[in-house]
Amino acid sequence: MPTRIRLQRKGKKGQPFYHLVVADGRAPRDGKFIERLGTYNPMTHPATIVIDFDRALHWVQVGAQPSDTARSILSNQGVMLKHHLIKGIAKGALTEEQVEERFNAWKEEKKIKLEQMSKDKELSKKELHKKRIEEERKIKEAREAELAKKRAKENNVEQAVEETAEEAATETPEAEAPAQETQEPAAE
């Protein structure tokens, strides 16, 4: 009986949630299973993975073949690495202390990497917020400049209209005044 480690779909339509199970390779996807190893929720960011590490490692060691997705989940959690290191003990290439040391070093690196990713994400959110505010400020300044130009043109037009009206008003009496002056000396 070939055993497989695979995902069993649960959850609603459009909201998948999976159980990581060990099942007979001939059983249907959501059918009968031997043991449930954990859960996988891809809807959260980052995806939530909860696995019974020791049981998953046991099943990998006794020959259960993980599906592609299950293999990536197990690799993400370190089960496949631990299995690989334990094979090194069997071959005589490593000791148990070296295996534990390497595995713990890997876990620390992964922890640091995840913390850095979350910090980067938080910083990127702040930077995006600052960038968005800066862009909005530039747009606002451009709009204000356009509005100022428009107001200046309107003021210039109004001033020009006023000046022409004043010129027209001042030109009319001036035109009459010199005519009267010229007429008066002519009358003398």
C-alpha atoms as a PDB file:
ATOM      1  CA  MET A   1       0.000   0.000   0.000  1.00  0.00           C
ATOM      2  CA  PRO A   2       1.844   3.141  -1.213  1.00  0.00           C
ATOM      3  CA  THR A   3       1.234   5.992   1.196  1.00  0.00           C
ATOM      4  CA  ARG A   4       1.102   9.616   0.121  1.00  0.00           C
ATOM      5  CA  ILE A   5       1.356  12.829   2.076  1.00  0.00           C
ATOM      6  CA  ARG A   6      -1.041  15.217   0.406  1.00  0.00           C
ATOM      7  CA  LEU A   7      -3.497  18.022   0.928  1.00  0.00           C
ATOM      8  CA  GLN A   8      -7.161  17.422   1.626  1.00  0.00           C
ATOM      9  CA  ARG A   9      -9.307  20.413   0.699  1.00  0.00           C
ATOM     10  CA  LYS A  10     -11.674  21.922   3.219  1.00  0.00           C
ATOM     11  CA  GLY A  11     -13.298  25.324   3.500  1.00  0.00           C
ATOM     12  CA  LYS A  12     -15.874  27.179   1.473  1.00  0.00           C
ATOM     13  CA  LYS A  13     -15.978  28.020  -2.193  1.00  0.00           C
ATOM     14  CA  GLY A  14     -13.338  30.650  -2.875  1.00  0.00           C
ATOM     15  CA  GLN A  15     -11.868  30.246   0.621  1.00  0.00           C
ATOM     16  CA  PRO A  16      -9.671  27.158   0.565  1.00  0.00           C
ATOM     17  CA  PHE A  17      -8.301  25.567   3.708  1.00  0.00           C
ATOM     18  CA  TYR A  18      -6.328  22.340   3.638  1.00  0.00           C
ATOM     19  CA  HIS A  19      -5.477  19.473   5.942  1.00  0.00           C
ATOM     20  CA  LEU A  20      -2.109  17.818   5.413  1.00  0.00           C
ATOM     21  CA  VAL A  21      -2.832  14.079   5.618  1.00  0.00           C
ATOM     22  CA  VAL A  22      -1.186  10.726   5.098  1.00  0.00           C
ATOM     23  CA  ALA A  23      -3.448   8.621   2.888  1.00  0.00           C
ATOM     24  CA  ASP A  24      -3.398   5.553   0.702  1.00  0.00           C
ATOM     25  CA  GLY A  25      -2.320   6.625  -2.781  1.00  0.00           C
ATOM     26  CA  ARG A  26      -5.476   5.069  -4.266  1.00  0.00           C
ATOM     27  CA  ALA A  27      -7.897   6.926  -1.953  1.00  0.00           C
ATOM     28  CA  PRO A  28      -9.755   9.967  -3.331  1.00  0.00           C
ATOM     29  CA  ARG A  29      -8.456  13.446  -2.534  1.00  0.00           C
ATOM     30  CA  ASP A  30     -11.016  14.242   0.151  1.00  0.00           C
ATOM     31  CA  GLY A  31     -11.644  10.627   1.130  1.00  0.00           C
ATOM     32  CA  LYS A  32     -10.318   8.253   3.727  1.00  0.00           C
ATOM     33  CA  PHE A  33      -6.920   9.019   5.279  1.00  0.00           C
ATOM     34  CA  ILE A  34      -4.564   7.320   7.729  1.00  0.00           C
ATOM     35  CA  GLU A  35      -3.416  10.286   9.822  1.00  0.00           C
ATOM     36  CA  ARG A  36      -3.798  14.056   9.815  1.00  0.00           C
ATOM     37  CA  LEU A  37      -0.425  15.814  10.130  1.00  0.00           C
ATOM     38  CA  GLY A  38      -1.503  19.435  10.189  1.00  0.00           C
ATOM     39  CA  THR A  39      -3.216  22.310   8.422  1.00  0.00           C
ATOM     40  CA  TYR A  40      -2.398  24.808   5.687  1.00  0.00           C
ATOM     41  CA  ASN A  41      -4.290  28.076   5.172  1.00  0.00           C
ATOM     42  CA  PRO A  42      -3.201  29.902   1.998  1.00  0.00           C
ATOM     43  CA  MET A  43      -5.679  32.754   2.519  1.00  0.00           C
ATOM     44  CA  THR A  44      -3.575  34.470   5.200  1.00  0.00           C
ATOM     45  CA  HIS A  45      -0.446  36.448   4.401  1.00  0.00           C
ATOM     46  CA  PRO A  46       1.962  34.798   4.934  1.00  0.00           C
ATOM     47  CA  ALA A  47       0.247  31.418   4.631  1.00  0.00           C
ATOM     48  CA  THR A  48      -0.464  29.751   7.961  1.00  0.00           C
ATOM     49  CA  ILE A  49       1.099  26.299   8.307  1.00  0.00           C
ATOM     50  CA  VAL A  50       0.667  24.158  11.416  1.00  0.00           C
ATOM     51  CA  ILE A  51       2.335  20.737  11.303  1.00  0.00           C
ATOM     52  CA  ASP A  52       3.103  17.997  13.804  1.00  0.00           C
ATOM     53  CA  PHE A  53       6.811  17.988  12.948  1.00  0.00           C
ATOM     54  CA  ASP A  54       7.711  14.656  14.550  1.00  0.00           C
ATOM     55  CA  ARG A  55       4.857  12.717  12.927  1.00  0.00           C
ATOM     56  CA  ALA A  56       5.551  14.270   9.521  1.00  0.00           C
ATOM     57  CA  LEU A  57       9.224  13.351   9.845  1.00  0.00           C
ATOM     58  CA  HIS A  58       8.257   9.799  10.877  1.00  0.00           C
ATOM     59  CA  TRP A  59       6.054   9.339   7.808  1.00  0.00           C
ATOM     60  CA  VAL A  60       8.712  10.717   5.445  1.00  0.00           C
ATOM     61  CA  GLN A  61      11.270   8.363   7.001  1.00  0.00           C
ATOM     62  CA  VAL A  62       9.072   5.280   6.570  1.00  0.00           C
ATOM     63  CA  GLY A  63       8.621   6.058   2.872  1.00  0.00           C
ATOM     64  CA  ALA A  64       5.449   8.104   2.458  1.00  0.00           C
ATOM     65  CA  GLN A  65       5.794  10.106  -0.766  1.00  0.00           C
ATOM     66  CA  PRO A  66       4.673  13.738  -0.491  1.00  0.00           C
ATOM     67  CA  SER A  67       2.831  15.408  -3.363  1.00  0.00           C
ATOM     68  CA  ASP A  68       4.539  18.427  -4.935  1.00  0.00           C
ATOM     69  CA  THR A  69       2.641  20.949  -2.819  1.00  0.00           C
ATOM     70  CA  ALA A  70       3.008  18.858   0.333  1.00  0.00           C
ATOM     71  CA  ARG A  71       6.752  18.561  -0.362  1.00  0.00           C
ATOM     72  CA  SER A  72       7.092  22.342  -0.593  1.00  0.00           C
ATOM     73  CA  ILE A  73       5.141  22.779   2.656  1.00  0.00           C
ATOM     74  CA  LEU A  74       7.291  20.161   4.411  1.00  0.00           C
ATOM     75  CA  SER A  75      10.446  21.778   3.038  1.00  0.00           C
ATOM     76  CA  ASN A  76       9.253  25.143   4.277  1.00  0.00           C
ATOM     77  CA  GLN A  77       8.845  23.717   7.762  1.00  0.00           C
ATOM     78  CA  GLY A  78      12.213  21.902   7.688  1.00  0.00           C
ATOM     79  CA  VAL A  79      10.917  18.322   7.662  1.00  0.00           C
ATOM     80  CA  MET A  80      12.669  17.452   4.394  1.00  0.00           C
ATOM     81  CA  LEU A  81      15.959  19.019   5.575  1.00  0.00           C
ATOM     82  CA  LYS A  82      15.852  17.080   8.832  1.00  0.00           C
ATOM     83  CA  HIS A  83      15.117  13.875   6.874  1.00  0.00           C
ATOM     84  CA  HIS A  84      18.095  14.582   4.609  1.00  0.00           C
ATOM     85  CA  LEU A  85      20.396  15.214   7.583  1.00  0.00           C
ATOM     86  CA  ILE A  86      19.224  12.027   9.315  1.00  0.00           C
ATOM     87  CA  LYS A  87      20.084  10.073   6.152  1.00  0.00           C
ATOM     88  CA  GLY A  88      23.606  11.491   6.592  1.00  0.00           C
ATOM     89  CA  ILE A  89      23.759   9.905  10.058  1.00  0.00           C
ATOM     90  CA  ALA A  90      22.797   6.527   8.577  1.00  0.00           C
ATOM     91  CA  LYS A  91      25.600   6.842   6.011  1.00  0.00           C
ATOM     92  CA  GLY A  92      28.115   7.846   8.664  1.00  0.00           C
ATOM     93  CA  ALA A  93      28.773  11.301   7.197  1.00  0.00           C
ATOM     94  CA  LEU A  94      27.318  13.212  10.170  1.00  0.00           C
ATOM     95  CA  THR A  95      26.838  12.787  13.882  1.00  0.00           C
ATOM     96  CA  GLU A  96      23.625  13.549  15.759  1.00  0.00           C
ATOM     97  CA  GLU A  97      25.198  16.660  17.296  1.00  0.00           C
ATOM     98  CA  GLN A  98      26.140  17.967  13.846  1.00  0.00           C
ATOM     99  CA  VAL A  99      22.617  17.281  12.585  1.00  0.00           C
ATOM    100  CA  GLU A 100      21.042  19.176  15.479  1.00  0.00           C
ATOM    101  CA  GLU A 101      23.557  22.019  15.090  1.00  0.00           C
ATOM    102  CA  ARG A 102      22.899  22.384  11.345  1.00  0.00           C
ATOM    103  CA  PHE A 103      19.149  22.126  11.758  1.00  0.00           C
ATOM    104  CA  ASN A 104      19.076  24.716  14.550  1.00  0.00           C
ATOM    105  CA  ALA A 105      21.291  27.035  12.458  1.00  0.00           C
ATOM    106  CA  TRP A 106      18.840  26.665   9.562  1.00  0.00           C
ATOM    107  CA  LYS A 107      15.889  27.453  11.859  1.00  0.00           C
ATOM    108  CA  GLU A 108      17.641  30.588  13.155  1.00  0.00           C
ATOM    109  CA  GLU A 109      18.440  31.754   9.610  1.00  0.00           C
ATOM    110  CA  LYS A 110      14.832  31.183   8.583  1.00  0.00           C
ATOM    111  CA  LYS A 111      13.560  33.051  11.642  1.00  0.00           C
ATOM    112  CA  ILE A 112      15.851  36.017  10.918  1.00  0.00           C
ATOM    113  CA  LYS A 113      14.831  35.983   7.254  1.00  0.00           C
ATOM    114  CA  LEU A 114      11.119  36.016   8.158  1.00  0.00           C
ATOM    115  CA  GLU A 115      11.646  38.875  10.632  1.00  0.00           C
ATOM    116  CA  GLN A 116      13.561  40.817   7.977  1.00  0.00           C
ATOM    117  CA  MET A 117      10.808  40.215   5.436  1.00  0.00           C
ATOM    118  CA  SER A 118       8.171  41.489   7.876  1.00  0.00           C
ATOM    119  CA  LYS A 119      10.309  44.565   8.667  1.00  0.00           C
ATOM    120  CA  ASP A 120      10.833  45.212   4.954  1.00  0.00           C
ATOM    121  CA  LYS A 121       7.127  44.867   4.357  1.00  0.00           C
ATOM    122  CA  GLU A 122       6.374  47.310   7.169  1.00  0.00           C
ATOM    123  CA  LEU A 123       9.006  49.736   5.874  1.00  0.00           C
ATOM    124  CA  SER A 124       7.713  49.394   2.350  1.00  0.00           C
ATOM    125  CA  LYS A 125       4.215  50.199   3.610  1.00  0.00           C
ATOM    126  CA  LYS A 126       5.556  53.324   5.324  1.00  0.00           C
ATOM    127  CA  GLU A 127       7.594  54.278   2.260  1.00  0.00           C
ATOM    128  CA  LEU A 128       4.600  53.743  -0.010  1.00  0.00           C
ATOM    129  CA  HIS A 129       2.514  55.908   2.302  1.00  0.00           C
ATOM    130  CA  LYS A 130       5.155  58.674   2.261  1.00  0.00           C
ATOM    131  CA  LYS A 131       5.502  58.402  -1.509  1.00  0.00           C
ATOM    132  CA  ARG A 132       1.734  58.598  -1.977  1.00  0.00           C
ATOM    133  CA  ILE A 133       1.536  61.682   0.263  1.00  0.00           C
ATOM    134  CA  GLU A 134       4.416  63.289  -1.654  1.00  0.00           C
ATOM    135  CA  GLU A 135       2.702  62.601  -4.991  1.00  0.00           C
ATOM    136  CA  GLU A 136      -0.562  64.028  -3.677  1.00  0.00           C
ATOM    137  CA  ARG A 137       1.294  67.125  -2.451  1.00  0.00           C
ATOM    138  CA  LYS A 138       2.891  67.610  -5.889  1.00  0.00           C
ATOM    139  CA  ILE A 139      -0.502  67.253  -7.569  1.00  0.00           C
ATOM    140  CA  LYS A 140      -1.988  69.754  -5.125  1.00  0.00           C
ATOM    141  CA  GLU A 141       0.815  72.236  -5.810  1.00  0.00           C
ATOM    142  CA  ALA A 142       0.370  71.806  -9.568  1.00  0.00           C
ATOM    143  CA  ARG A 143      -3.370  72.414  -9.243  1.00  0.00           C
ATOM    144  CA  GLU A 144      -2.739  75.494  -7.095  1.00  0.00           C
ATOM    145  CA  ALA A 145      -0.252  76.802  -9.673  1.00  0.00           C
ATOM    146  CA  GLU A 146      -2.756  76.279 -12.487  1.00  0.00           C
ATOM    147  CA  LEU A 147      -5.455  77.957 -10.441  1.00  0.00           C
ATOM    148  CA  ALA A 148      -3.124  80.881  -9.676  1.00  0.00           C
ATOM    149  CA  LYS A 149      -2.333  81.259 -13.396  1.00  0.00           C
ATOM    150  CA  LYS A 150      -6.030  81.137 -14.210  1.00  0.00           C
ATOM    151  CA  ARG A 151      -6.777  83.774 -11.547  1.00  0.00           C
ATOM    152  CA  ALA A 152      -3.883  85.914 -12.794  1.00  0.00           C
ATOM    153  CA  LYS A 153      -5.245  85.730 -16.350  1.00  0.00           C
ATOM    154  CA  GLU A 154      -8.717  86.632 -15.087  1.00  0.00           C
ATOM    155  CA  ASN A 155      -7.258  89.524 -13.090  1.00  0.00           C
ATOM    156  CA  ASN A 156      -5.260  90.658 -16.123  1.00  0.00           C
ATOM    157  CA  VAL A 157      -8.364  90.470 -18.278  1.00  0.00           C
ATOM    158  CA  GLU A 158     -10.345  92.404 -15.670  1.00  0.00           C
ATOM    159  CA  GLN A 159      -7.547  94.968 -15.352  1.00  0.00           C
ATOM    160  CA  ALA A 160      -7.329  95.267 -19.116  1.00  0.00           C
ATOM    161  CA  VAL A 161     -11.086  95.771 -19.303  1.00  0.00           C
ATOM    162  CA  GLU A 162     -10.909  98.335 -16.505  1.00  0.00           C
ATOM    163  CA  GLU A 163      -7.935 100.079 -18.143  1.00  0.00           C
ATOM    164  CA  THR A 164      -9.689 100.224 -21.511  1.00  0.00           C
ATOM    165  CA  ALA A 165     -12.810 101.494 -19.782  1.00  0.00           C
ATOM    166  CA  GLU A 166     -10.709 104.103 -17.923  1.00  0.00           C
ATOM    167  CA  GLU A 167      -8.858 105.007 -21.097  1.00  0.00           C
ATOM    168  CA  ALA A 168     -12.113 105.313 -22.940  1.00  0.00           C
ATOM    169  CA  ALA A 169     -13.520 107.448 -20.139  1.00  0.00           C
ATOM    170  CA  THR A 170     -10.377 109.603 -19.948  1.00  0.00           C
ATOM    171  CA  GLU A 171      -9.966 109.873 -23.709  1.00  0.00           C
ATOM    172  CA  THR A 172     -13.468 111.177 -24.258  1.00  0.00           C
ATOM    173  CA  PRO A 173     -13.122 114.249 -22.010  1.00  0.00           C
ATOM    174  CA  GLU A 174      -9.584 114.893 -23.283  1.00  0.00           C
ATOM    175  CA  ALA A 175     -10.790 114.793 -26.842  1.00  0.00           C
ATOM    176  CA  GLU A 176     -13.495 117.327 -26.025  1.00  0.00           C
ATOM    177  CA  ALA A 177     -11.217 119.496 -23.904  1.00  0.00           C
ATOM    178  CA  PRO A 178      -8.607 120.175 -26.595  1.00  0.00           C
ATOM    179  CA  ALA A 179     -11.370 120.837 -29.062  1.00  0.00           C
ATOM    180  CA  GLN A 180     -12.833 123.449 -26.747  1.00  0.00           C
ATOM    181  CA  GLU A 181      -9.399 124.942 -26.169  1.00  0.00           C
ATOM    182  CA  THR A 182      -8.782 125.170 -29.856  1.00  0.00           C
ATOM    183  CA  GLN A 183     -12.131 126.702 -30.382  1.00  0.00           C
ATOM    184  CA  GLU A 184     -11.620 129.317 -27.728  1.00  0.00           C
ATOM    185  CA  PRO A 185      -8.407 130.645 -29.184  1.00  0.00           C
ATOM    186  CA  ALA A 186     -10.046 130.694 -32.556  1.00  0.00           C
ATOM    187  CA  ALA A 187     -12.820 132.824 -31.134  1.00  0.00           C
ATOM    188  CA  GLU A 188     -10.384 135.497 -29.946  1.00  0.00           C
END
